[in-house]
Protein backbone atom coordinates (compact mmCIF):
# COMPACT_ATOMS: atom_id res chain seq x y z
CA MET A 1 0.12 -0.18 0.13
CA SER A 2 1.47 3.41 -0.86
CA THR A 3 1.14 6.79 0.71
CA VAL A 4 -0.34 9.40 -1.46
CA LEU A 5 -0.46 13.11 -0.74
CA ILE A 6 -3.64 14.77 -1.97
CA THR A 7 -3.71 18.77 -1.75
CA GLY A 8 -6.94 20.40 -2.02
CA THR A 9 -8.99 17.71 -0.28
CA SER A 10 -11.68 19.91 1.11
CA GLY A 11 -12.69 20.97 -2.47
CA PHE A 12 -15.22 19.27 -4.86
CA ILE A 13 -12.98 16.84 -6.57
CA GLY A 14 -10.60 16.47 -3.63
CA GLN A 15 -12.98 14.91 -1.16
CA ALA A 16 -14.35 12.25 -3.41
CA LEU A 17 -10.84 11.46 -4.75
CA ALA A 18 -9.62 11.03 -0.99
CA ARG A 19 -12.42 8.62 -0.19
CA ASN A 20 -12.17 6.81 -3.09
CA MET A 21 -8.23 6.38 -3.10
CA SER A 22 -8.50 5.32 0.84
CA ARG A 23 -9.60 1.94 -0.08
CA ASP A 24 -6.23 1.06 -1.54
CA HIS A 25 -3.82 3.51 -0.24
CA ASP A 26 -2.64 5.57 2.79
CA ILE A 27 -4.14 8.99 2.09
CA LEU A 28 -2.55 12.36 3.40
CA CYS A 29 -5.12 15.06 2.99
CA MET A 30 -3.61 18.75 2.97
CA SER A 31 -5.87 21.37 3.01
CA ARG A 32 -7.07 24.46 5.10
CA ARG A 33 -10.10 22.49 6.00
CA ARG A 34 -10.90 19.05 7.28
CA PRO A 35 -12.43 17.13 4.39
CA ASP A 36 -13.25 13.89 6.31
CA PRO A 37 -12.66 12.79 9.92
CA ALA A 38 -11.91 9.45 8.64
CA LEU A 39 -8.68 10.49 6.92
CA SER A 40 -5.30 11.71 7.91
CA TRP A 41 -5.31 15.39 7.52
CA ILE A 42 -2.72 17.85 7.65
CA ARG A 43 -3.91 21.63 8.19
CA GLY A 44 -1.84 23.67 5.84
CA ASP A 45 -0.89 25.73 2.79
CA PHE A 46 1.10 23.64 0.34
CA ALA A 47 2.74 26.79 -0.79
CA SER A 48 4.42 27.09 2.59
CA PHE A 49 7.46 25.12 3.39
CA GLU A 50 6.93 25.52 7.20
CA ASP A 51 3.44 23.77 6.63
CA LEU A 52 4.92 21.47 4.46
CA ARG A 53 7.41 20.10 7.24
CA GLN A 54 4.41 18.73 8.94
CA LEU A 55 4.98 15.97 6.37
CA ASP A 56 8.39 15.24 7.39
CA ALA A 57 7.50 11.93 9.44
CA HIS A 58 5.88 10.41 6.09
CA GLN A 59 7.48 8.76 3.13
CA ILE A 60 5.28 9.99 0.20
CA ASP A 61 5.20 7.94 -2.73
CA ALA A 62 2.85 10.06 -4.87
CA VAL A 63 1.29 13.50 -4.97
CA ILE A 64 -1.67 14.48 -6.62
CA HIS A 65 -1.84 18.13 -6.64
CA LEU A 66 -5.74 19.62 -6.91
CA ALA A 67 -5.19 22.64 -4.84
CA GLY A 68 -5.09 26.11 -6.23
CA VAL A 69 -7.05 29.39 -7.27
CA THR A 70 -9.42 28.70 -9.99
CA GLY A 71 -10.86 30.78 -12.85
CA GLY A 72 -11.71 34.34 -12.41
CA CYS A 73 -8.50 34.83 -9.97
CA LEU A 74 -6.26 38.11 -10.11
CA GLU A 75 -3.27 37.56 -12.12
CA ARG A 76 -1.21 38.09 -8.66
CA ASP A 77 -2.76 35.10 -6.74
CA GLY A 78 -2.65 32.85 -10.12
CA MET A 79 1.10 33.32 -10.04
CA LEU A 80 1.58 33.20 -6.38
CA VAL A 81 -0.66 30.15 -5.63
CA ASN A 82 -0.63 28.23 -8.95
CA VAL A 83 2.85 28.73 -10.07
CA GLU A 84 4.99 29.65 -6.97
CA GLY A 85 2.97 27.20 -4.66
CA THR A 86 3.27 24.67 -6.91
CA ARG A 87 7.28 25.08 -6.85
CA CYS A 88 7.39 24.81 -3.30
CA LEU A 89 5.20 21.53 -3.32
CA MET A 90 7.25 19.91 -5.83
CA ARG A 91 10.65 21.17 -4.56
CA TYR A 92 9.72 19.95 -1.17
CA ALA A 93 8.18 16.48 -2.36
CA ILE A 94 11.33 15.72 -4.69
CA ASP A 95 13.89 16.51 -2.05
CA ARG A 96 12.05 14.11 0.25
CA GLY A 97 12.25 11.35 -2.37
CA CYS A 98 8.78 11.46 -4.30
CA ARG A 99 9.14 10.70 -7.84
CA LYS A 100 5.48 10.51 -8.60
CA PHE A 101 3.18 13.72 -9.27
CA VAL A 102 -0.12 13.99 -11.01
CA MET A 103 -1.26 17.89 -11.11
CA ALA A 104 -4.58 19.43 -12.13
CA SER A 105 -3.77 21.51 -14.79
CA SER A 106 -6.79 22.99 -16.91
CA ILE A 107 -8.13 23.22 -20.47
CA ALA A 108 -8.55 26.82 -20.11
CA THR A 109 -4.72 27.05 -20.24
CA VAL A 110 -5.16 27.51 -23.84
CA GLY A 111 -6.83 30.95 -23.34
CA PHE A 112 -10.60 30.46 -23.74
CA GLN A 113 -11.72 32.58 -21.07
CA ASP A 114 -11.72 35.53 -23.20
CA PRO A 115 -14.30 35.64 -26.08
CA ALA A 116 -11.47 36.64 -28.44
CA PHE A 117 -9.96 33.33 -28.51
CA ARG A 118 -9.51 31.35 -31.41
CA PRO A 119 -7.70 27.95 -31.21
CA ARG A 120 -4.89 27.16 -33.83
CA GLN A 121 -6.18 23.74 -34.09
CA ILE A 122 -9.22 21.82 -33.44
CA PRO A 123 -9.75 19.57 -31.90
CA ILE A 124 -7.37 21.17 -29.50
CA PRO A 125 -4.64 19.01 -28.85
CA ASP A 126 -2.83 18.17 -25.38
CA ASN A 127 0.19 20.43 -26.23
CA HIS A 128 -1.89 23.39 -27.74
CA PRO A 129 0.05 26.57 -26.88
CA CYS A 130 -1.22 28.86 -24.16
CA LEU A 131 -2.96 32.13 -25.69
CA ASP A 132 -4.25 33.56 -22.49
CA ARG A 133 -4.93 36.91 -21.93
CA GLN A 134 -6.64 37.08 -18.38
CA GLY A 135 -4.06 35.55 -16.02
CA TYR A 136 -5.71 32.24 -14.75
CA GLY A 137 -4.94 29.96 -17.91
CA PHE A 138 -1.47 31.61 -17.94
CA SER A 139 -0.84 30.72 -14.35
CA LYS A 140 -2.10 27.05 -15.31
CA TYR A 141 0.55 27.21 -18.26
CA MET A 142 3.37 28.32 -15.97
CA MET A 143 2.54 25.83 -13.49
CA GLU A 144 2.99 23.26 -16.33
CA GLU A 145 6.38 24.82 -17.15
CA VAL A 146 7.42 24.48 -13.35
CA THR A 147 7.00 20.57 -13.74
CA GLU A 148 9.01 20.68 -17.02
CA TYR A 149 11.70 22.61 -15.21
CA TYR A 150 11.77 20.00 -12.32
CA GLY A 151 11.57 17.28 -15.04
CA ARG A 152 14.59 18.48 -16.59
CA GLN A 153 16.58 18.89 -12.93
CA ASN A 154 15.24 15.51 -11.95
CA PRO A 155 14.83 12.97 -14.90
CA GLU A 156 13.69 10.21 -12.84
CA ILE A 157 10.54 11.84 -11.83
CA ASP A 158 7.19 11.01 -13.32
CA VAL A 159 4.42 13.81 -13.66
CA THR A 160 1.27 13.96 -15.41
CA ASN A 161 -0.22 17.17 -15.86
CA LEU A 162 -4.36 16.65 -16.50
CA ARG A 163 -5.67 19.62 -18.31
CA LEU A 164 -8.82 19.06 -16.63
CA SER A 165 -12.18 19.94 -18.46
CA THR A 166 -15.36 21.57 -16.36
CA VAL A 167 -16.29 19.16 -13.94
CA CYS A 168 -20.08 18.89 -12.67
CA PRO A 169 -21.84 16.71 -10.18
CA ASP A 170 -22.82 13.16 -11.42
CA ASP A 171 -26.68 13.98 -10.64
CA ALA A 172 -26.48 17.70 -11.79
CA MET A 173 -25.37 17.68 -15.20
CA PRO A 174 -26.33 20.86 -17.21
CA ALA A 175 -28.48 20.78 -20.15
CA LEU A 176 -26.71 20.08 -23.50
CA LYS A 177 -25.60 23.52 -25.25
CA GLU A 178 -27.60 25.11 -27.78
CA PRO A 179 -26.21 27.39 -30.71
CA GLY A 180 -26.06 31.05 -29.41
CA PRO A 181 -23.68 33.82 -29.11
CA ILE A 182 -20.15 33.49 -27.75
CA GLY A 183 -19.40 34.27 -24.22
CA PRO A 184 -16.44 34.33 -21.98
CA TRP A 185 -15.40 30.50 -20.85
CA ALA A 186 -17.49 29.56 -23.84
CA LEU A 187 -15.17 26.46 -24.78
CA GLY A 188 -15.69 25.24 -20.91
CA SER A 189 -19.61 25.11 -21.31
CA ILE A 190 -19.27 22.08 -23.90
CA ALA A 191 -16.02 20.37 -22.81
CA LEU A 192 -17.56 18.84 -19.23
CA MET A 193 -17.13 15.52 -17.14
CA ALA A 194 -18.67 14.09 -14.24
CA ARG A 195 -17.08 14.35 -10.87
CA SER A 196 -16.96 10.52 -11.02
CA ASP A 197 -15.01 10.45 -14.14
CA ALA A 198 -12.64 13.14 -13.07
CA VAL A 199 -11.82 11.09 -9.90
CA ARG A 200 -11.12 8.14 -11.97
CA ALA A 201 -8.74 9.92 -14.15
CA PHE A 202 -6.75 11.38 -11.33
CA ALA A 203 -6.64 7.78 -9.55
CA MET A 204 -5.68 6.34 -12.74
CA ALA A 205 -2.74 8.59 -13.48
CA ALA A 206 -1.61 8.02 -9.96
CA GLU A 207 -1.80 4.21 -9.86
CA ALA A 208 -0.13 3.94 -13.43
CA PRO A 209 3.24 2.43 -13.33
CA LEU A 210 6.14 4.70 -12.88
CA ARG A 211 7.47 6.04 -15.80
CA PRO A 212 9.98 9.06 -15.82
CA GLY A 213 8.98 11.82 -17.96
CA VAL A 214 6.71 14.82 -18.09
CA ARG A 215 3.27 14.34 -19.85
CA THR A 216 0.41 16.87 -20.49
CA MET A 217 -3.07 15.44 -21.43
CA ASN A 218 -6.38 16.85 -22.07
CA ALA A 219 -8.82 15.28 -19.62
CA ALA A 220 -12.31 15.59 -20.79
CA GLY A 221 -15.19 13.53 -22.20
CA PRO A 222 -15.08 12.04 -25.87
CA LYS A 223 -18.06 13.77 -26.84
CA ALA A 224 -19.06 17.60 -26.82
CA TRP A 225 -21.89 18.83 -24.45
CA THR A 226 -24.06 20.19 -27.09
CA ALA A 227 -27.46 19.62 -28.29
CA ALA A 228 -26.78 20.49 -31.84
CA PRO A 229 -23.71 19.41 -34.06
CA VAL A 230 -20.36 20.99 -32.89
CA ALA A 231 -19.74 22.87 -36.21
CA GLU A 232 -22.96 24.44 -35.99
CA VAL A 233 -22.22 25.86 -32.43
CA LEU A 234 -18.68 26.61 -33.06
CA ARG A 235 -19.48 28.47 -36.49
CA GLY A 236 -21.89 30.38 -34.49
CA TRP A 237 -18.89 31.61 -32.32
CA TRP A 238 -16.11 31.71 -34.66
CA GLY A 239 -17.80 32.37 -38.16
CA ASP A 240 -15.00 31.15 -40.81
CA ASP A 241 -11.96 31.93 -38.41
CA VAL A 242 -11.49 28.57 -37.63
CA ASP A 243 -11.17 25.16 -39.70
CA LEU A 244 -14.06 22.98 -38.60
CA THR A 245 -14.07 20.26 -41.13
CA HIS A 246 -13.16 17.52 -38.56
CA PHE A 247 -16.60 18.11 -37.01
CA GLU A 248 -18.21 17.90 -40.41
CA GLN A 249 -16.99 14.42 -41.42
CA PRO A 250 -19.69 11.50 -40.82
CA GLY A 251 -19.41 10.06 -37.33
CA HIS A 252 -17.50 13.08 -35.77
CA GLU A 253 -20.54 15.85 -35.46
CA TYR A 254 -20.47 15.42 -31.88
CA ASP A 255 -16.80 14.65 -31.22
CA SER A 256 -15.02 16.55 -28.24
CA VAL A 257 -13.51 19.98 -28.98
CA PHE A 258 -10.33 18.73 -26.99
CA GLY A 259 -8.20 15.90 -28.47
CA VAL A 260 -8.56 13.04 -26.00
CA GLY A 261 -6.70 10.41 -27.65
CA ARG A 262 -3.59 10.53 -25.38
CA ILE A 263 -4.89 9.94 -22.16
CA ALA A 264 -7.08 7.11 -23.56
CA GLU A 265 -3.72 5.44 -25.06
CA GLU A 266 -1.44 5.96 -21.90
CA LEU A 267 -3.94 5.88 -19.23
CA GLY A 268 -6.71 3.59 -20.46
CA PHE A 269 -8.94 6.76 -19.38
CA VAL A 270 -12.55 7.36 -21.27
CA ALA A 271 -15.04 9.38 -19.56
CA GLU A 272 -18.14 7.03 -19.08
CA ARG A 273 -20.63 9.91 -18.52
CA LEU A 274 -21.84 10.98 -22.20
CA PRO A 275 -24.47 13.36 -23.25
CA GLU A 276 -27.83 11.97 -23.76
CA ARG A 277 -28.96 13.46 -27.26
């Protein structure tokens, strides 16, 4: 049985993930609020070396890093928490001998918070560059760069950055998106996963055999959360600015706007909760 440190365990995904993984692993929860009285909990801030020292007595085999500031944050908060905080956490864990890291990045890394965003390629690949103008996506991209930096320093570590889609409660998935005007976070409204699928993705990444290197993967469902064909929705947003021919091919009319081939191939993960049309 391995020891897994999970940050952000008082959050929506973290609570469920900690309970799920506690069946097979010793789970250490790190958050500012206690997530579950049945689990080992360290009150603290992952961005503080002083708080991280509370973990000195534990041999940590893997870190799942969920904590951070979310979309709409101030640029300064994003950089201090998502970037510098992640650096502190990884530096501490690497120095203590941990080699396995699973990091919660975001599909917003590409920059779709701004309605002016246009992807360079769609379906959007795992390595699509950051085009963010607002700060949150940039902070997540820089978090990924921190993992790349530590991967160069420490070629023996295994890091999986999951660019996570919008996650919703299993029993409260939203209505399928109809064509309409574009707004902020538009792509996030049609790239959805149920929480149970998100939990499974993080667990599978953490439990995968150790393979040194840094990998970044889109973690989204294989189908877009749309009532109409994807090309119709996206053309209403972007006109002819983006090549939508993929979604006009027979059998691909409702494909995800984010490529999910790599996560399926490398982790065996495919989201199970799909849109019902």
